[in-house]
């Protein structure tokens, strides 16, 4: 079993984008996703890139709008 500090489905996460903006969301299965409620699918480019990482990691994300980098601020 993974410790709570490792991102997985069900994790609540706060990240900082390369432009300094911060986002908070929960990673859920596709059928539970609802972006307006802060629940993103584990199959989304952002969630897929974050799974397995920890607080403090900087992660590159390939998204339809281009590549971006986020830093993980906290995980619960």
PDB file of N, CA and C in Angstrom:
ATOM      1  N   UNK A   1       0.836  -1.189   0.000  1.00  0.00           N
ATOM      2  CA  UNK A   1       0.000   0.000   0.000  1.00  0.00           C
ATOM      3  C   UNK A   1       0.877   1.247   0.000  1.00  0.00           C
ATOM      4  N   UNK A   2       0.490   2.244  -0.802  1.00  0.00           N
ATOM      5  CA  UNK A   2       1.260   3.483  -0.893  1.00  0.00           C
ATOM      6  C   UNK A   2       0.960   4.403   0.279  1.00  0.00           C
ATOM      7  N   UNK A   3       1.967   5.140   0.766  1.00  0.00           N
ATOM      8  CA  UNK A   3       1.703   6.105   1.830  1.00  0.00           C
ATOM      9  C   UNK A   3       0.829   7.252   1.304  1.00  0.00           C
ATOM     10  N   UNK A   4       0.167   7.978   2.215  1.00  0.00           N
ATOM     11  CA  UNK A   4      -0.714   9.086   1.835  1.00  0.00           C
ATOM     12  C   UNK A   4       0.008  10.204   1.107  1.00  0.00           C
ATOM     13  N   UNK A   5       1.316  10.229   1.182  1.00  0.00           N
ATOM     14  CA  UNK A   5       2.071  11.294   0.539  1.00  0.00           C
ATOM     15  C   UNK A   5       2.284  11.051  -0.947  1.00  0.00           C
ATOM     16  N   UNK A   6       1.970   9.853  -1.418  1.00  0.00           N
ATOM     17  CA  UNK A   6       2.112   9.523  -2.831  1.00  0.00           C
ATOM     18  C   UNK A   6       0.757   9.710  -3.511  1.00  0.00           C
ATOM     19  N   UNK A   7       0.730  10.442  -4.615  1.00  0.00           N
ATOM     20  CA  UNK A   7      -0.523  10.729  -5.312  1.00  0.00           C
ATOM     21  C   UNK A   7      -1.060   9.479  -5.987  1.00  0.00           C
ATOM     22  N   UNK A   8      -2.360   9.264  -5.795  1.00  0.00           N
ATOM     23  CA  UNK A   8      -3.060   8.133  -6.394  1.00  0.00           C
ATOM     24  C   UNK A   8      -4.521   8.533  -6.566  1.00  0.00           C
ATOM     25  N   UNK A   9      -5.328   7.656  -7.151  1.00  0.00           N
ATOM     26  CA  UNK A   9      -6.760   7.918  -7.271  1.00  0.00           C
ATOM     27  C   UNK A   9      -7.310   8.101  -5.859  1.00  0.00           C
ATOM     28  N   UNK A  10      -8.069   9.167  -5.644  1.00  0.00           N
ATOM     29  CA  UNK A  10      -8.615   9.493  -4.338  1.00  0.00           C
ATOM     30  C   UNK A  10      -7.842  10.575  -3.612  1.00  0.00           C
ATOM     31  N   UNK A  11      -6.642  10.907  -4.101  1.00  0.00           N
ATOM     32  CA  UNK A  11      -5.840  11.946  -3.460  1.00  0.00           C
ATOM     33  C   UNK A  11      -6.416  13.329  -3.725  1.00  0.00           C
ATOM     34  N   UNK A  12      -6.374  14.169  -2.693  1.00  0.00           N
ATOM     35  CA  UNK A  12      -6.689  15.598  -2.818  1.00  0.00           C
ATOM     36  C   UNK A  12      -5.339  16.288  -2.941  1.00  0.00           C
ATOM     37  N   UNK A  13      -5.204  17.183  -3.921  1.00  0.00           N
ATOM     38  CA  UNK A  13      -3.895  17.740  -4.269  1.00  0.00           C
ATOM     39  C   UNK A  13      -3.985  19.243  -4.472  1.00  0.00           C
ATOM     40  N   UNK A  14      -2.918  19.943  -4.114  1.00  0.00           N
ATOM     41  CA  UNK A  14      -2.772  21.361  -4.455  1.00  0.00           C
ATOM     42  C   UNK A  14      -1.463  21.496  -5.216  1.00  0.00           C
ATOM     43  N   UNK A  15      -1.531  22.150  -6.382  1.00  0.00           N
ATOM     44  CA  UNK A  15      -0.341  22.349  -7.216  1.00  0.00           C
ATOM     45  C   UNK A  15      -0.183  23.824  -7.553  1.00  0.00           C
ATOM     46  N   UNK A  16       1.056  24.205  -7.835  1.00  0.00           N
ATOM     47  CA  UNK A  16       1.361  25.554  -8.320  1.00  0.00           C
ATOM     48  C   UNK A  16       1.866  25.436  -9.740  1.00  0.00           C
ATOM     49  N   UNK A  17       1.235  26.182 -10.630  1.00  0.00           N
ATOM     50  CA  UNK A  17       1.610  26.191 -12.039  1.00  0.00           C
ATOM     51  C   UNK A  17       2.865  27.047 -12.212  1.00  0.00           C
ATOM     52  N   UNK A  18       3.513  26.923 -13.358  1.00  0.00           N
ATOM     53  CA  UNK A  18       4.735  27.682 -13.637  1.00  0.00           C
ATOM     54  C   UNK A  18       4.508  29.186 -13.629  1.00  0.00           C
ATOM     55  N   UNK A  19       3.252  29.630 -13.813  1.00  0.00           N
ATOM     56  CA  UNK A  19       2.957  31.069 -13.775  1.00  0.00           C
ATOM     57  C   UNK A  19       2.609  31.550 -12.370  1.00  0.00           C
ATOM     58  N   UNK A  20       2.639  30.644 -11.388  1.00  0.00           N
ATOM     59  CA  UNK A  20       2.388  31.009  -9.999  1.00  0.00           C
ATOM     60  C   UNK A  20       0.967  30.770  -9.524  1.00  0.00           C
ATOM     61  N   UNK A  21       0.053  30.438 -10.431  1.00  0.00           N
ATOM     62  CA  UNK A  21      -1.322  30.175 -10.016  1.00  0.00           C
ATOM     63  C   UNK A  21      -1.403  28.802  -9.346  1.00  0.00           C
ATOM     64  N   UNK A  22      -2.339  28.681  -8.402  1.00  0.00           N
ATOM     65  CA  UNK A  22      -2.509  27.429  -7.677  1.00  0.00           C
ATOM     66  C   UNK A  22      -3.882  26.832  -7.942  1.00  0.00           C
ATOM     67  N   UNK A  23      -3.931  25.502  -7.980  1.00  0.00           N
ATOM     68  CA  UNK A  23      -5.175  24.763  -8.181  1.00  0.00           C
ATOM     69  C   UNK A  23      -5.251  23.639  -7.167  1.00  0.00           C
ATOM     70  N   UNK A  24      -6.468  23.342  -6.756  1.00  0.00           N
ATOM     71  CA  UNK A  24      -6.708  22.236  -5.829  1.00  0.00           C
ATOM     72  C   UNK A  24      -7.787  21.342  -6.434  1.00  0.00           C
ATOM     73  N   UNK A  25      -7.577  20.043  -6.366  1.00  0.00           N
ATOM     74  CA  UNK A  25      -8.526  19.108  -6.947  1.00  0.00           C
ATOM     75  C   UNK A  25      -8.330  17.718  -6.349  1.00  0.00           C
ATOM     76  N   UNK A  26      -9.281  16.842  -6.639  1.00  0.00           N
ATOM     77  CA  UNK A  26      -9.214  15.441  -6.239  1.00  0.00           C
ATOM     78  C   UNK A  26      -9.159  14.594  -7.500  1.00  0.00           C
ATOM     79  N   UNK A  27      -8.299  13.584  -7.499  1.00  0.00           N
ATOM     80  CA  UNK A  27      -8.222  12.657  -8.627  1.00  0.00           C
ATOM     81  C   UNK A  27      -9.215  11.526  -8.388  1.00  0.00           C
ATOM     82  N   UNK A  28     -10.094  11.314  -9.358  1.00  0.00           N
ATOM     83  CA  UNK A  28     -11.140  10.296  -9.258  1.00  0.00           C
ATOM     84  C   UNK A  28     -11.166   9.451 -10.531  1.00  0.00           C
ATOM     85  N   UNK A  29     -11.934   8.379 -10.521  1.00  0.00           N
ATOM     86  CA  UNK A  29     -12.143   7.578 -11.726  1.00  0.00           C
ATOM     87  C   UNK A  29     -12.978   8.383 -12.720  1.00  0.00           C
ATOM     88  N   UNK A  30     -12.871   8.053 -13.988  1.00  0.00           N
ATOM     89  CA  UNK A  30     -13.532   8.788 -15.061  1.00  0.00           C
ATOM     90  C   UNK A  30     -15.014   9.018 -14.794  1.00  0.00           C
ATOM     91  N   UNK A  31     -15.716   7.978 -14.364  1.00  0.00           N
ATOM     92  CA  UNK A  31     -17.164   8.093 -14.171  1.00  0.00           C
ATOM     93  C   UNK A  31     -17.545   9.011 -13.003  1.00  0.00           C
ATOM     94  N   UNK A  32     -16.597   9.363 -12.140  1.00  0.00           N
ATOM     95  CA  UNK A  32     -16.859  10.255 -11.002  1.00  0.00           C
ATOM     96  C   UNK A  32     -16.399  11.685 -11.262  1.00  0.00           C
ATOM     97  N   UNK A  33     -15.748  11.918 -12.399  1.00  0.00           N
ATOM     98  CA  UNK A  33     -15.150  13.230 -12.645  1.00  0.00           C
ATOM     99  C   UNK A  33     -16.211  14.311 -12.837  1.00  0.00           C
ATOM    100  N   UNK A  34     -15.895  15.499 -12.336  1.00  0.00           N
ATOM    101  CA  UNK A  34     -16.747  16.678 -12.447  1.00  0.00           C
ATOM    102  C   UNK A  34     -15.866  17.881 -12.181  1.00  0.00           C
ATOM    103  N   UNK A  35     -15.354  18.476 -13.237  1.00  0.00           N
ATOM    104  CA  UNK A  35     -14.393  19.558 -13.104  1.00  0.00           C
ATOM    105  C   UNK A  35     -14.953  20.732 -12.306  1.00  0.00           C
ATOM    106  N   UNK A  36     -16.264  20.997 -12.415  1.00  0.00           N
ATOM    107  CA  UNK A  36     -16.856  22.115 -11.675  1.00  0.00           C
ATOM    108  C   UNK A  36     -16.851  21.870 -10.164  1.00  0.00           C
ATOM    109  N   UNK A  37     -16.723  20.614  -9.762  1.00  0.00           N
ATOM    110  CA  UNK A  37     -16.643  20.261  -8.341  1.00  0.00           C
ATOM    111  C   UNK A  37     -15.212  19.951  -7.904  1.00  0.00           C
ATOM    112  N   UNK A  38     -14.250  20.187  -8.791  1.00  0.00           N
ATOM    113  CA  UNK A  38     -12.854  19.956  -8.448  1.00  0.00           C
ATOM    114  C   UNK A  38     -12.440  18.502  -8.465  1.00  0.00           C
ATOM    115  N   UNK A  39     -13.145  17.675  -9.227  1.00  0.00           N
ATOM    116  CA  UNK A  39     -12.807  16.253  -9.346  1.00  0.00           C
ATOM    117  C   UNK A  39     -12.378  15.972 -10.781  1.00  0.00           C
ATOM    118  N   UNK A  40     -11.084  15.636 -10.954  1.00  0.00           N
ATOM    119  CA  UNK A  40     -10.581  15.371 -12.304  1.00  0.00           C
ATOM    120  C   UNK A  40     -10.319  13.876 -12.481  1.00  0.00           C
ATOM    121  N   UNK A  41     -10.510  13.431 -13.701  1.00  0.00           N
ATOM    122  CA  UNK A  41     -10.350  12.021 -14.036  1.00  0.00           C
ATOM    123  C   UNK A  41      -8.889  11.593 -13.976  1.00  0.00           C
ATOM    124  N   UNK A  42      -8.675  10.367 -13.510  1.00  0.00           N
ATOM    125  CA  UNK A  42      -7.324   9.805 -13.478  1.00  0.00           C
ATOM    126  C   UNK A  42      -6.755   9.613 -14.875  1.00  0.00           C
ATOM    127  N   UNK A  43      -7.609   9.698 -15.904  1.00  0.00           N
ATOM    128  CA  UNK A  43      -7.137   9.560 -17.284  1.00  0.00           C
ATOM    129  C   UNK A  43      -6.801  10.908 -17.920  1.00  0.00           C
ATOM    130  N   UNK A  44      -7.054  12.013 -17.210  1.00  0.00           N
ATOM    131  CA  UNK A  44      -6.715  13.333 -17.752  1.00  0.00           C
ATOM    132  C   UNK A  44      -5.194  13.473 -17.796  1.00  0.00           C
ATOM    133  N   UNK A  45      -4.680  14.306 -18.699  1.00  0.00           N
ATOM    134  CA  UNK A  45      -3.223  14.460 -18.783  1.00  0.00           C
ATOM    135  C   UNK A  45      -2.587  14.902 -17.464  1.00  0.00           C
ATOM    136  N   UNK A  46      -3.216  15.832 -16.747  1.00  0.00           N
ATOM    137  CA  UNK A  46      -2.654  16.316 -15.483  1.00  0.00           C
ATOM    138  C   UNK A  46      -2.624  15.213 -14.438  1.00  0.00           C
ATOM    139  N   UNK A  47      -3.754  14.561 -14.209  1.00  0.00           N
ATOM    140  CA  UNK A  47      -3.807  13.508 -13.192  1.00  0.00           C
ATOM    141  C   UNK A  47      -2.860  12.361 -13.534  1.00  0.00           C
ATOM    142  N   UNK A  48      -2.862  11.935 -14.786  1.00  0.00           N
ATOM    143  CA  UNK A  48      -1.996  10.833 -15.195  1.00  0.00           C
ATOM    144  C   UNK A  48      -0.525  11.159 -14.948  1.00  0.00           C
ATOM    145  N   UNK A  49      -0.144  12.419 -15.166  1.00  0.00           N
ATOM    146  CA  UNK A  49       1.250  12.824 -14.943  1.00  0.00           C
ATOM    147  C   UNK A  49       1.587  12.881 -13.452  1.00  0.00           C
ATOM    148  N   UNK A  50       0.606  13.218 -12.602  1.00  0.00           N
ATOM    149  CA  UNK A  50       0.863  13.388 -11.170  1.00  0.00           C
ATOM    150  C   UNK A  50       0.876  12.086 -10.378  1.00  0.00           C
ATOM    151  N   UNK A  51       0.137  11.083 -10.835  1.00  0.00           N
ATOM    152  CA  UNK A  51       0.038   9.830 -10.079  1.00  0.00           C
ATOM    153  C   UNK A  51       1.429   9.224  -9.863  1.00  0.00           C
ATOM    154  N   UNK A  52       1.703   8.886  -8.601  1.00  0.00           N
ATOM    155  CA  UNK A  52       2.990   8.310  -8.222  1.00  0.00           C
ATOM    156  C   UNK A  52       3.988   9.327  -7.710  1.00  0.00           C
ATOM    157  N   UNK A  53       3.689  10.617  -7.844  1.00  0.00           N
ATOM    158  CA  UNK A  53       4.594  11.668  -7.356  1.00  0.00           C
ATOM    159  C   UNK A  53       4.238  12.091  -5.945  1.00  0.00           C
ATOM    160  N   UNK A  54       5.096  12.953  -5.349  1.00  0.00           N
ATOM    161  CA  UNK A  54       4.960  13.389  -3.952  1.00  0.00           C
ATOM    162  C   UNK A  54       5.071  14.906  -3.832  1.00  0.00           C
ATOM    163  N   UNK A  55       4.762  15.398  -2.629  1.00  0.00           N
ATOM    164  CA  UNK A  55       4.906  16.819  -2.320  1.00  0.00           C
ATOM    165  C   UNK A  55       6.340  17.253  -2.634  1.00  0.00           C
ATOM    166  N   UNK A  56       6.443  18.413  -3.276  1.00  0.00           N
ATOM    167  CA  UNK A  56       7.747  18.973  -3.631  1.00  0.00           C
ATOM    168  C   UNK A  56       8.203  18.607  -5.029  1.00  0.00           C
ATOM    169  N   UNK A  57       7.636  17.559  -5.603  1.00  0.00           N
ATOM    170  CA  UNK A  57       8.024  17.170  -6.961  1.00  0.00           C
ATOM    171  C   UNK A  57       7.535  18.203  -7.964  1.00  0.00           C
ATOM    172  N   UNK A  58       8.351  18.444  -8.960  1.00  0.00           N
ATOM    173  CA  UNK A  58       7.951  19.266 -10.114  1.00  0.00           C
ATOM    174  C   UNK A  58       7.676  18.285 -11.240  1.00  0.00           C
ATOM    175  N   UNK A  59       6.490  18.414 -11.839  1.00  0.00           N
ATOM    176  CA  UNK A  59       6.040  17.442 -12.825  1.00  0.00           C
ATOM    177  C   UNK A  59       5.713  18.156 -14.134  1.00  0.00           C
ATOM    178  N   UNK A  60       6.214  17.622 -15.225  1.00  0.00           N
ATOM    179  CA  UNK A  60       5.869  18.144 -16.554  1.00  0.00           C
ATOM    180  C   UNK A  60       4.619  17.440 -17.049  1.00  0.00           C
ATOM    181  N   UNK A  61       3.710  18.241 -17.586  1.00  0.00           N
ATOM    182  CA  UNK A  61       2.427  17.723 -18.046  1.00  0.00           C
ATOM    183  C   UNK A  61       2.261  18.062 -19.518  1.00  0.00           C
ATOM    184  N   UNK A  62       1.989  17.059 -20.324  1.00  0.00           N
ATOM    185  CA  UNK A  62       1.675  17.277 -21.742  1.00  0.00           C
ATOM    186  C   UNK A  62       0.165  17.339 -21.870  1.00  0.00           C
ATOM    187  N   UNK A  63      -0.340  18.505 -22.227  1.00  0.00           N
ATOM    188  CA  UNK A  63      -1.780  18.714 -22.364  1.00  0.00           C
ATOM    189  C   UNK A  63      -2.076  19.197 -23.774  1.00  0.00           C
ATOM    190  N   UNK A  64      -3.341  19.167 -24.176  1.00  0.00           N
ATOM    191  CA  UNK A  64      -3.688  19.629 -25.522  1.00  0.00           C
ATOM    192  C   UNK A  64      -3.219  21.067 -25.804  1.00  0.00           C
ATOM    193  N   UNK A  65      -3.175  21.903 -24.767  1.00  0.00           N
ATOM    194  CA  UNK A  65      -2.736  23.294 -24.939  1.00  0.00           C
ATOM    195  C   UNK A  65      -1.227  23.462 -24.940  1.00  0.00           C
ATOM    196  N   UNK A  66      -0.490  22.381 -24.789  1.00  0.00           N
ATOM    197  CA  UNK A  66       0.969  22.442 -24.758  1.00  0.00           C
ATOM    198  C   UNK A  66       1.517  21.889 -23.454  1.00  0.00           C
ATOM    199  N   UNK A  67       2.821  21.925 -23.338  1.00  0.00           N
ATOM    200  CA  UNK A  67       3.467  21.378 -22.156  1.00  0.00           C
ATOM    201  C   UNK A  67       3.514  22.434 -21.061  1.00  0.00           C
ATOM    202  N   UNK A  68       3.295  21.989 -19.812  1.00  0.00           N
ATOM    203  CA  UNK A  68       3.392  22.882 -18.666  1.00  0.00           C
ATOM    204  C   UNK A  68       4.049  22.143 -17.522  1.00  0.00           C
ATOM    205  N   UNK A  69       4.461  22.887 -16.533  1.00  0.00           N
ATOM    206  CA  UNK A  69       5.117  22.301 -15.387  1.00  0.00           C
ATOM    207  C   UNK A  69       4.373  22.731 -14.121  1.00  0.00           C
ATOM    208  N   UNK A  70       4.137  21.793 -13.212  1.00  0.00           N
ATOM    209  CA  UNK A  70       3.498  22.104 -11.932  1.00  0.00           C
ATOM    210  C   UNK A  70       4.343  21.570 -10.797  1.00  0.00           C
ATOM    211  N   UNK A  71       4.265  22.243  -9.645  1.00  0.00           N
ATOM    212  CA  UNK A  71       4.925  21.794  -8.430  1.00  0.00           C
ATOM    213  C   UNK A  71       3.841  21.350  -7.455  1.00  0.00           C
ATOM    214  N   UNK A  72       4.028  20.199  -6.855  1.00  0.00           N
ATOM    215  CA  UNK A  72       3.043  19.669  -5.910  1.00  0.00           C
ATOM    216  C   UNK A  72       3.274  20.309  -4.547  1.00  0.00           C
ATOM    217  N   UNK A  73       2.237  20.996  -4.037  1.00  0.00           N
ATOM    218  CA  UNK A  73       2.340  21.700  -2.762  1.00  0.00           C
ATOM    219  C   UNK A  73       1.901  20.845  -1.582  1.00  0.00           C
ATOM    220  N   UNK A  74       0.800  20.106  -1.724  1.00  0.00           N
ATOM    221  CA  UNK A  74       0.366  19.177  -0.678  1.00  0.00           C
ATOM    222  C   UNK A  74      -0.527  18.098  -1.239  1.00  0.00           C
ATOM    223  N   UNK A  75      -0.599  17.008  -0.497  1.00  0.00           N
ATOM    224  CA  UNK A  75      -1.396  15.840  -0.882  1.00  0.00           C
ATOM    225  C   UNK A  75      -2.076  15.326   0.395  1.00  0.00           C
ATOM    226  N   UNK A  76      -3.352  14.993   0.269  1.00  0.00           N
ATOM    227  CA  UNK A  76      -4.021  14.356   1.411  1.00  0.00           C
ATOM    228  C   UNK A  76      -4.929  13.242   0.903  1.00  0.00           C
TER     229      UNK A  76
END
